Amino acid sequence: MIRAGVDVVRLNFSHGTAEDHAARAGLVRAAALACDREVAIMADLQGPKIRIGKFAEGKVQLEPGQPFVLDATCELGDASRVGLDYPDLPRDVQAGDILLLNDGLIRLRVTRVAGSEIHTEVLVGGELSNNKGINRQGGGLTAPALTGKDMEDIRSAVQMGVDYIAVSFPKNRTDIEMARQLVAIAGAQIGARPQLIAKIERAEAIAALEEIIEASDGIMVARGDLAVEVGAAAVPALQKRMIRLARLHNRTVITATQMMESMIVNAMPTRAEVSDVANAVLDGTDAVMLSAETAIGRYPVETVEAMASICLEAEKSQHFELDKDFLDQTFHRVDQSIAYGALFTAHHLRCKAICALTHSGATTLWMSRHDSATPIYALTPRVTTQRKVALYRNVRTLHLEESGDRDASLLAAEKLLVEKGVAEPGDLVVFTVGEPMGSPGGTNTLKIVRIGQHG
């Protein structure tokens, strides 16, 4: 899968133990090493997934019109009632509310609430099995974004060296800030600071979208739970808006859920899935994500290959109007101005590549927020930066040994580009670098180089 195009591997902390995830992280690192690639690892927190309990026989069949009770005190359910893993749910609902179970496949209308019991009428029935999720149409459930399990999982994820942590169901900036504090505490002694991805999947998150984006390092358009809360028809326009806002705020964005769903069992995607992936790329997403397709599907490698080919074709079709991105822009930082200057210069000189000698990767992040036909390379001595930058759109990474001498570093960078087949003698390349060398955030120099010609 890594050879086929995987850049980030997501570990779903809704399943398995910390030991399981640590073992899988080790497998990812070993596989990436074998492929001579740096691949990021993302820990995806479970969050306050509100679920029903278990049934005595594992599942029941609900029929439209029948009464059904969600009972916080019930241990094993039957066709008339089932327990809840979130005992405060009766406080959050009232008569007339619509509850959606199993990703919206089953619909219940609340008729009354009595103590720990939520009495409902089945509107849309079907098979209901153990531990299926519950959403309220329109949102409004009060469960906190970070559970006790999430707090433990943050500590485990930081210790195993993940590059990103995805926070499930944040409602506002405060949820992300709390997660960041926990990450800082967990990583203080080992110097680890994974970046935070806010999963936008609650109706309340839409109203607070900009503040959540500003508090995060990136967002995930988590279309599954979001569609259940706001309605599937509202999601495509919201997806476009979220991608646009993330890029505007210099944040990364991942588009997720059911992108290649049919390939769980089929060797080829549907035309609708091909269009879905391509449109996310054309909208400007940094990444498109697979879930069951690669976790339990029959064709994991073929799915990645298919998705990668769709992304490449979508990128080929793009028309770049880079100049328009810089109209009416105000730059407040030297390194940001250098990043945008490199894009503008490479675009007009038709350079072979833009190469940022970087410690933090910030320069390449700014560049990647704008559509450009010129490939961007992050040349860094830091493996952690290589892994982080793996998520950025149109950015590739190369390991360049650290040097305190700018000219020596540039000569080494030229040699590396030729060795890797990025450029050939005579090609124009734009370099960005900071002086003095080795200071994160210190990019202050732009140099146009013709490979193989010095002086």
Protein backbone atom coordinates (compact mmCIF):
# COMPACT_ATOMS: atom_id res chain seq x y z
CA MET A 1 0.00 0.00 0.00
CA ILE A 2 2.87 2.39 0.73
CA ARG A 3 4.40 1.70 -2.68
CA ALA A 4 0.95 2.23 -4.21
CA GLY A 5 0.76 5.74 -2.77
CA VAL A 6 -0.12 5.80 0.94
CA ASP A 7 1.34 8.90 2.66
CA VAL A 8 -0.38 8.66 6.06
CA VAL A 9 -1.58 5.61 8.00
CA ARG A 10 -4.46 6.11 10.42
CA LEU A 11 -4.72 4.04 13.59
CA ASN A 12 -8.33 3.93 14.75
CA PHE A 13 -8.30 4.05 18.56
CA SER A 14 -11.98 3.06 18.64
CA HIS A 15 -10.70 -0.51 18.29
CA GLY A 16 -7.89 -2.47 19.93
CA THR A 17 -5.51 -1.77 22.80
CA ALA A 18 -2.57 0.58 23.16
CA GLU A 19 -0.29 -2.42 22.68
CA ASP A 20 -2.08 -3.30 19.42
CA HIS A 21 -1.58 0.21 18.09
CA ALA A 22 2.07 0.35 19.14
CA ALA A 23 2.69 -2.91 17.26
CA ARG A 24 0.94 -1.57 14.16
CA ALA A 25 2.91 1.67 14.34
CA GLY A 26 6.07 -0.41 14.38
CA LEU A 27 4.89 -2.28 11.27
CA VAL A 28 4.22 1.02 9.49
CA ARG A 29 7.69 2.34 10.31
CA ALA A 30 9.32 -0.91 9.14
CA ALA A 31 7.32 -0.98 5.89
CA ALA A 32 8.11 2.68 5.17
CA LEU A 33 11.81 2.00 5.75
CA ALA A 34 11.67 -0.94 3.32
CA CYS A 35 10.10 1.38 0.72
CA ASP A 36 12.62 4.20 1.37
CA ARG A 37 9.74 6.50 2.27
CA GLU A 38 8.69 8.52 5.30
CA VAL A 39 5.04 7.90 6.09
CA ALA A 40 3.09 9.78 8.77
CA ILE A 41 1.06 7.99 11.44
CA MET A 42 -2.22 9.47 12.66
CA ALA A 43 -3.88 8.36 15.90
CA ASP A 44 -7.65 8.78 15.55
CA LEU A 45 -9.29 9.17 18.97
CA GLN A 46 -12.62 7.45 19.58
CA GLY A 47 -14.27 10.48 21.14
CA PRO A 48 -17.73 10.45 22.73
CA LYS A 49 -19.32 8.04 20.30
CA ILE A 50 -22.78 7.59 21.83
CA ARG A 51 -23.89 4.02 21.35
CA ILE A 52 -26.61 1.60 22.30
CA GLY A 53 -25.73 -1.39 24.47
CA LYS A 54 -25.86 -5.08 23.65
CA PHE A 55 -28.77 -7.38 22.80
CA ALA A 56 -29.28 -10.78 24.43
CA GLU A 57 -29.21 -12.37 20.96
CA GLY A 58 -26.75 -9.95 19.36
CA LYS A 59 -29.30 -8.19 17.16
CA VAL A 60 -33.01 -7.48 16.66
CA GLN A 61 -35.30 -6.53 13.80
CA LEU A 62 -37.20 -3.26 14.23
CA GLU A 63 -40.43 -2.64 12.31
CA PRO A 64 -41.89 0.79 11.38
CA GLY A 65 -44.51 1.94 13.87
CA GLN A 66 -43.41 -0.24 16.77
CA PRO A 67 -42.47 1.28 20.15
CA PHE A 68 -38.84 0.96 21.21
CA VAL A 69 -37.18 2.12 24.42
CA LEU A 70 -33.62 3.31 24.93
CA ASP A 71 -33.03 2.54 28.59
CA ALA A 72 -29.84 3.64 30.38
CA THR A 73 -30.38 0.94 33.04
CA CYS A 74 -30.97 -2.00 30.68
CA GLU A 75 -28.15 -4.57 30.60
CA LEU A 76 -29.16 -6.84 27.71
CA GLY A 77 -31.71 -5.67 25.18
CA ASP A 78 -34.46 -7.30 23.14
CA ALA A 79 -36.92 -6.23 20.45
CA SER A 80 -38.62 -3.79 22.88
CA ARG A 81 -35.67 -2.02 24.50
CA VAL A 82 -31.88 -1.69 24.65
CA GLY A 83 -29.31 -0.13 26.98
CA LEU A 84 -27.15 2.97 26.49
CA ASP A 85 -23.43 3.49 27.03
CA TYR A 86 -24.10 7.21 27.61
CA PRO A 87 -26.45 7.49 30.62
CA ASP A 88 -26.92 11.27 30.18
CA LEU A 89 -28.65 10.87 26.81
CA PRO A 90 -32.18 11.13 28.35
CA ARG A 91 -31.29 14.66 29.53
CA ASP A 92 -30.34 15.73 26.00
CA VAL A 93 -33.54 14.75 24.17
CA GLN A 94 -37.22 15.59 24.31
CA ALA A 95 -40.46 14.54 22.66
CA GLY A 96 -40.39 15.16 18.91
CA ASP A 97 -36.62 14.69 18.49
CA ILE A 98 -35.43 12.35 15.76
CA LEU A 99 -32.72 9.86 16.75
CA LEU A 100 -30.62 8.22 14.06
CA LEU A 101 -29.00 4.85 14.73
CA ASN A 102 -26.41 2.88 12.77
CA ASP A 103 -25.25 5.86 10.66
CA GLY A 104 -28.83 6.94 9.99
CA LEU A 105 -30.12 3.65 8.63
CA ILE A 106 -32.64 3.42 11.50
CA ARG A 107 -34.79 6.41 12.52
CA LEU A 108 -36.65 6.79 15.80
CA ARG A 109 -38.98 9.60 16.93
CA VAL A 110 -38.92 10.37 20.66
CA THR A 111 -42.45 10.20 22.10
CA ARG A 112 -41.58 10.88 25.74
CA VAL A 113 -38.73 10.79 28.26
CA ALA A 114 -39.28 9.14 31.64
CA GLY A 115 -36.28 9.12 33.98
CA SER A 116 -33.61 6.90 32.43
CA GLU A 117 -35.91 5.80 29.60
CA ILE A 118 -36.33 7.37 26.16
CA HIS A 119 -39.56 6.09 24.63
CA THR A 120 -39.61 6.18 20.84
CA GLU A 121 -41.58 5.13 17.78
CA VAL A 122 -39.70 3.44 14.94
CA LEU A 123 -39.98 5.51 11.75
CA VAL A 124 -37.51 3.53 9.63
CA GLY A 125 -36.75 0.02 10.82
CA GLY A 126 -34.25 -2.66 9.97
CA GLU A 127 -31.69 -4.87 11.63
CA LEU A 128 -30.10 -3.32 14.72
CA SER A 129 -27.09 -5.01 16.30
CA ASN A 130 -24.86 -4.41 19.34
CA ASN A 131 -23.12 -1.11 20.04
CA LYS A 132 -24.42 0.90 17.08
CA GLY A 133 -23.97 4.67 17.25
CA ILE A 134 -26.69 7.21 18.02
CA ASN A 135 -26.99 10.75 16.65
CA ARG A 136 -29.69 13.36 17.16
CA GLN A 137 -30.85 14.97 13.94
CA GLY A 138 -29.61 18.56 14.02
CA GLY A 139 -27.00 17.79 16.71
CA GLY A 140 -27.08 19.17 20.23
CA LEU A 141 -25.84 16.24 22.32
CA THR A 142 -23.75 17.46 25.25
CA ALA A 143 -21.13 14.70 25.51
CA PRO A 144 -17.62 16.16 25.98
CA ALA A 145 -15.19 15.89 23.05
CA LEU A 146 -12.49 14.21 25.14
CA THR A 147 -13.40 11.20 27.25
CA GLY A 148 -11.24 9.56 29.89
CA LYS A 149 -10.29 6.93 27.31
CA ASP A 150 -9.22 9.66 24.87
CA MET A 151 -6.97 11.23 27.49
CA GLU A 152 -5.23 7.89 28.06
CA ASP A 153 -5.02 7.32 24.32
CA ILE A 154 -3.36 10.72 23.81
CA ARG A 155 -0.62 9.70 26.23
CA SER A 156 -0.18 6.35 24.48
CA ALA A 157 -0.15 7.93 21.01
CA VAL A 158 2.46 10.54 21.94
CA GLN A 159 4.69 7.89 23.52
CA MET A 160 4.57 5.70 20.41
CA GLY A 161 5.68 8.64 18.28
CA VAL A 162 2.65 9.39 16.11
CA ASP A 163 2.82 12.47 13.89
CA TYR A 164 -0.84 13.50 14.04
CA ILE A 165 -3.69 13.06 16.50
CA ALA A 166 -7.26 13.37 15.19
CA VAL A 167 -9.74 14.75 17.74
CA SER A 168 -13.25 13.35 17.27
CA PHE A 169 -16.43 15.41 17.67
CA PRO A 170 -14.98 18.79 18.75
CA LYS A 171 -17.67 21.44 19.23
CA ASN A 172 -15.47 24.53 19.57
CA ARG A 173 -11.97 25.92 20.01
CA THR A 174 -11.86 24.88 23.69
CA ASP A 175 -12.03 21.17 22.83
CA ILE A 176 -8.96 21.48 20.61
CA GLU A 177 -7.08 23.63 23.11
CA MET A 178 -7.69 21.02 25.82
CA ALA A 179 -6.34 18.29 23.54
CA ARG A 180 -3.28 20.43 22.79
CA GLN A 181 -2.57 20.88 26.50
CA LEU A 182 -2.76 17.11 27.02
CA VAL A 183 -0.42 16.54 24.08
CA ALA A 184 2.04 19.09 25.46
CA ILE A 185 2.05 17.42 28.88
CA ALA A 186 2.43 13.94 27.40
CA GLY A 187 5.27 14.99 25.12
CA ALA A 188 7.13 17.35 27.44
CA GLN A 189 9.80 14.89 28.58
CA ILE A 190 10.41 13.24 25.21
CA GLY A 191 10.20 16.38 23.06
CA ALA A 192 7.28 15.07 21.00
CA ARG A 193 4.54 17.38 19.74
CA PRO A 194 2.22 15.69 17.23
CA GLN A 195 -0.08 17.98 15.28
CA LEU A 196 -3.83 18.07 15.89
CA ILE A 197 -6.48 17.35 13.28
CA ALA A 198 -10.04 18.40 14.18
CA LYS A 199 -12.66 16.02 12.81
CA ILE A 200 -15.66 18.06 11.73
CA GLU A 201 -18.59 15.74 12.38
CA ARG A 202 -20.99 17.60 14.67
CA ALA A 203 -23.63 20.11 13.62
CA GLU A 204 -22.33 22.45 16.34
CA ALA A 205 -18.87 22.39 14.78
CA ILE A 206 -20.19 24.06 11.62
CA ALA A 207 -21.21 27.17 13.56
CA ALA A 208 -17.73 27.30 15.18
CA LEU A 209 -15.83 26.20 12.08
CA GLU A 210 -13.35 29.09 11.79
CA GLU A 211 -12.38 29.06 15.46
CA ILE A 212 -11.86 25.28 15.34
CA ILE A 213 -9.70 25.63 12.22
CA GLU A 214 -7.62 28.38 13.84
CA ALA A 215 -7.05 26.25 16.97
CA SER A 216 -6.05 23.15 14.95
CA ASP A 217 -3.19 22.22 12.65
CA GLY A 218 -5.66 20.76 10.18
CA ILE A 219 -9.19 19.43 9.83
CA MET A 220 -10.88 16.29 8.59
CA VAL A 221 -14.13 16.51 6.65
CA ALA A 222 -15.66 13.52 8.47
CA ARG A 223 -18.66 13.03 6.23
CA GLY A 224 -20.21 10.02 7.99
CA ASP A 225 -21.42 11.40 11.32
CA LEU A 226 -21.70 14.89 9.85
CA ALA A 227 -24.16 13.67 7.21
CA VAL A 228 -26.24 11.96 9.88
CA GLU A 229 -26.51 15.20 11.90
CA VAL A 230 -26.98 17.81 9.16
CA GLY A 231 -28.41 15.66 6.36
CA ALA A 232 -26.50 14.08 3.48
CA ALA A 233 -27.66 16.73 1.00
CA ALA A 234 -25.89 19.50 2.95
CA VAL A 235 -22.50 17.76 3.04
CA PRO A 236 -21.11 18.47 -0.49
CA ALA A 237 -21.40 22.24 -0.10
CA LEU A 238 -20.02 22.05 3.46
CA GLN A 239 -17.08 19.99 2.18
CA LYS A 240 -16.19 22.70 -0.34
CA ARG A 241 -16.51 25.39 2.30
CA MET A 242 -14.33 23.53 4.80
CA ILE A 243 -11.58 22.88 2.26
CA ARG A 244 -11.60 26.52 1.20
CA LEU A 245 -11.45 27.83 4.78
CA ALA A 246 -8.68 25.42 5.78
CA ARG A 247 -6.51 26.55 2.88
CA LEU A 248 -7.30 30.20 3.62
CA HIS A 249 -6.10 29.72 7.21
CA ASN A 250 -2.96 27.79 6.12
CA ARG A 251 -4.21 24.52 7.57
CA THR A 252 -4.22 21.04 6.08
CA VAL A 253 -7.48 19.26 5.22
CA ILE A 254 -8.41 15.59 4.82
CA THR A 255 -11.59 14.41 3.08
CA ALA A 256 -12.91 11.15 4.52
CA THR A 257 -15.67 8.52 4.63
CA GLN A 258 -17.01 6.16 1.98
CA MET A 259 -14.75 7.50 -0.74
CA MET A 260 -14.22 4.07 -2.33
CA GLU A 261 -16.81 2.13 -0.32
CA SER A 262 -17.71 -0.34 -3.06
CA MET A 263 -14.09 -1.55 -3.17
CA ILE A 264 -14.54 -3.22 0.19
CA VAL A 265 -15.93 -6.11 -1.88
CA ASN A 266 -15.35 -5.08 -5.53
CA ALA A 267 -12.07 -4.83 -7.44
CA MET A 268 -13.12 -1.64 -9.26
CA PRO A 269 -14.64 1.62 -7.98
CA THR A 270 -17.95 3.00 -9.21
CA ARG A 271 -17.98 6.03 -11.49
CA ALA A 272 -19.64 7.99 -8.68
CA GLU A 273 -16.73 7.17 -6.36
CA VAL A 274 -14.21 8.21 -9.01
CA SER A 275 -16.02 11.56 -9.32
CA ASP A 276 -16.17 11.96 -5.53
CA VAL A 277 -12.41 11.51 -5.11
CA ALA A 278 -11.59 13.69 -8.12
CA ASN A 279 -13.85 16.52 -6.96
CA ALA A 280 -12.24 16.54 -3.50
CA VAL A 281 -8.84 16.90 -5.20
CA LEU A 282 -10.13 19.66 -7.49
CA ASP A 283 -11.58 21.45 -4.43
CA GLY A 284 -8.08 21.54 -2.93
CA THR A 285 -8.01 18.81 -0.30
CA ASP A 286 -4.58 17.72 0.92
CA ALA A 287 -5.56 14.09 1.30
CA VAL A 288 -8.36 11.63 0.64
CA MET A 289 -8.83 8.94 3.26
CA LEU A 290 -9.80 5.29 3.17
CA SER A 291 -11.28 3.39 6.12
CA ALA A 292 -12.89 -0.05 5.80
CA GLU A 293 -11.64 -0.28 2.22
CA THR A 294 -8.08 -0.84 3.46
CA ALA A 295 -8.78 -2.00 7.03
CA ILE A 296 -11.00 -5.00 6.24
CA GLY A 297 -11.60 -4.80 2.48
CA ARG A 298 -10.75 -7.52 -0.02
CA TYR A 299 -8.68 -5.25 -2.27
CA PRO A 300 -6.60 -2.88 -0.11
CA VAL A 301 -3.68 -2.43 -2.52
CA GLU A 302 -5.93 -2.14 -5.58
CA THR A 303 -8.01 0.48 -3.75
CA VAL A 304 -4.95 2.63 -3.02
CA GLU A 305 -3.73 2.24 -6.60
CA ALA A 306 -7.14 3.26 -7.95
CA MET A 307 -7.39 6.26 -5.64
CA ALA A 308 -3.85 7.40 -6.46
CA SER A 309 -4.54 7.24 -10.21
CA ILE A 310 -7.73 9.29 -9.77
CA CYS A 311 -5.82 11.93 -7.79
CA LEU A 312 -3.12 12.15 -10.47
CA GLU A 313 -5.63 12.53 -13.29
CA ALA A 314 -7.54 15.22 -11.37
CA GLU A 315 -4.31 17.15 -10.75
CA LYS A 316 -3.38 16.96 -14.46
CA SER A 317 -6.66 18.60 -15.42
CA GLN A 318 -6.22 21.63 -13.16
CA HIS A 319 -5.74 25.09 -14.65
CA PHE A 320 -3.35 27.15 -12.55
CA GLU A 321 -3.91 30.90 -12.10
CA LEU A 322 -1.37 31.47 -9.38
CA ASP A 323 -1.17 35.24 -9.81
CA LYS A 324 -4.78 35.68 -8.65
CA ASP A 325 -3.93 34.07 -5.30
CA PHE A 326 -1.62 36.96 -4.44
CA LEU A 327 -3.90 39.85 -5.36
CA ASP A 328 -4.77 41.99 -2.33
CA GLN A 329 -2.62 39.77 -0.07
CA THR A 330 -0.77 41.28 2.88
CA PHE A 331 2.31 39.46 4.16
CA HIS A 332 3.43 40.02 7.75
CA ARG A 333 6.30 37.52 7.99
CA VAL A 334 9.56 37.35 6.09
CA ASP A 335 9.47 33.54 5.74
CA GLN A 336 5.88 33.65 4.45
CA SER A 337 6.84 36.31 1.88
CA ILE A 338 9.79 34.17 0.73
CA ALA A 339 7.49 31.15 0.36
CA TYR A 340 5.04 33.05 -1.83
CA GLY A 341 7.87 34.68 -3.77
CA ALA A 342 9.24 31.21 -4.57
CA LEU A 343 5.86 30.09 -5.90
CA PHE A 344 5.48 33.20 -8.07
CA THR A 345 9.02 32.95 -9.43
CA ALA A 346 8.87 29.22 -10.18
CA HIS A 347 5.53 29.64 -11.92
CA HIS A 348 6.73 32.37 -14.29
CA LEU A 349 10.17 30.89 -14.97
CA ARG A 350 8.69 27.40 -15.42
CA CYS A 351 11.19 25.98 -12.94
CA LYS A 352 11.59 22.24 -12.54
CA ALA A 353 11.05 22.34 -8.77
CA ILE A 354 10.83 24.48 -5.66
CA CYS A 355 13.12 23.23 -2.90
CA ALA A 356 12.81 24.47 0.66
CA LEU A 357 15.70 23.79 3.02
CA THR A 358 13.59 23.60 6.14
CA HIS A 359 13.57 22.44 9.75
CA SER A 360 9.90 22.90 10.64
CA GLY A 361 8.28 22.49 7.23
CA ALA A 362 6.37 25.78 7.62
CA THR A 363 7.67 27.21 4.34
CA THR A 364 6.35 24.24 2.39
CA LEU A 365 2.99 24.41 4.20
CA TRP A 366 2.46 27.99 3.00
CA MET A 367 3.48 27.05 -0.53
CA SER A 368 1.14 24.06 -0.57
CA ARG A 369 -1.90 26.24 0.21
CA HIS A 370 -1.78 27.51 -3.38
CA ASP A 371 -2.30 25.47 -6.53
CA SER A 372 0.93 25.24 -8.46
CA ALA A 373 2.13 23.10 -11.34
CA THR A 374 5.66 23.18 -9.87
CA PRO A 375 6.43 20.30 -7.49
CA ILE A 376 7.57 21.38 -4.02
CA TYR A 377 10.30 19.55 -2.11
CA ALA A 378 11.02 19.81 1.59
CA LEU A 379 14.74 19.15 2.14
CA THR A 380 15.23 18.58 5.84
CA PRO A 381 17.53 16.78 8.28
CA ARG A 382 14.57 16.00 10.54
CA VAL A 383 12.72 12.72 10.04
CA THR A 384 9.82 14.07 12.12
CA THR A 385 9.44 16.95 9.65
CA GLN A 386 9.54 14.55 6.70
CA ARG A 387 6.68 12.58 8.23
CA LYS A 388 4.62 15.65 9.07
CA VAL A 389 5.06 17.13 5.60
CA ALA A 390 3.89 13.84 4.04
CA LEU A 391 0.34 15.13 4.52
CA TYR A 392 0.87 18.40 2.62
CA ARG A 393 -0.53 18.67 -0.88
CA ASN A 394 2.03 18.79 -3.73
CA VAL A 395 4.96 18.44 -1.30
CA ARG A 396 7.52 15.64 -1.37
CA THR A 397 10.34 15.21 1.13
CA LEU A 398 14.03 14.39 0.87
CA HIS A 399 16.49 13.87 3.71
CA LEU A 400 19.34 16.41 3.57
CA GLU A 401 22.07 16.25 6.18
CA GLU A 402 22.35 19.31 8.38
CA SER A 403 25.07 21.88 7.69
CA GLY A 404 25.80 25.30 9.09
CA ASP A 405 27.17 26.50 5.76
CA ARG A 406 24.58 27.82 3.29
CA ASP A 407 26.65 27.32 0.13
CA ALA A 408 27.65 23.80 1.13
CA SER A 409 24.01 22.97 1.86
CA LEU A 410 22.88 24.27 -1.52
CA LEU A 411 25.57 22.27 -3.33
CA ALA A 412 24.54 19.15 -1.39
CA ALA A 413 20.89 19.85 -2.22
CA GLU A 414 21.69 20.12 -5.96
CA LYS A 415 23.54 16.82 -5.85
CA LEU A 416 20.63 15.18 -4.01
CA LEU A 417 18.09 16.44 -6.57
CA VAL A 418 20.11 14.99 -9.44
CA GLU A 419 20.63 11.68 -7.59
CA LYS A 420 16.89 11.35 -6.95
CA GLY A 421 15.95 12.23 -10.52
CA VAL A 422 14.15 15.42 -9.51
CA ALA A 423 16.29 17.66 -11.73
CA GLU A 424 18.96 17.38 -14.40
CA PRO A 425 21.94 19.61 -15.21
CA GLY A 426 20.62 22.78 -16.86
CA ASP A 427 17.24 22.76 -15.07
CA LEU A 428 16.13 25.86 -13.17
CA VAL A 429 15.28 25.27 -9.51
CA VAL A 430 14.13 27.76 -6.87
CA PHE A 431 15.66 27.29 -3.41
CA THR A 432 14.49 28.86 -0.16
CA VAL A 433 16.81 28.85 2.83
CA GLY A 434 17.34 30.64 6.13
CA GLU A 435 20.44 32.44 7.31
CA PRO A 436 21.87 31.70 9.79
CA MET A 437 21.26 28.02 9.03
CA GLY A 438 19.35 25.82 11.45
CA SER A 439 16.89 28.37 12.86
CA PRO A 440 13.25 27.19 12.57
CA GLY A 441 11.07 29.92 11.05
CA GLY A 442 14.12 31.75 9.78
CA THR A 443 13.68 31.35 6.00
CA ASN A 444 14.82 34.67 4.55
CA THR A 445 16.54 33.89 1.24
CA LEU A 446 15.31 32.93 -2.21
CA LYS A 447 17.83 31.73 -4.76
CA ILE A 448 17.28 30.73 -8.39
CA VAL A 449 19.78 28.07 -9.44
CA ARG A 450 20.56 26.43 -12.76
CA ILE A 451 21.58 22.90 -11.80
CA GLY A 452 25.25 22.23 -12.45
CA GLN A 453 26.25 25.87 -12.83
CA HIS A 454 27.75 27.61 -9.80
CA GLY A 455 29.17 30.95 -9.00
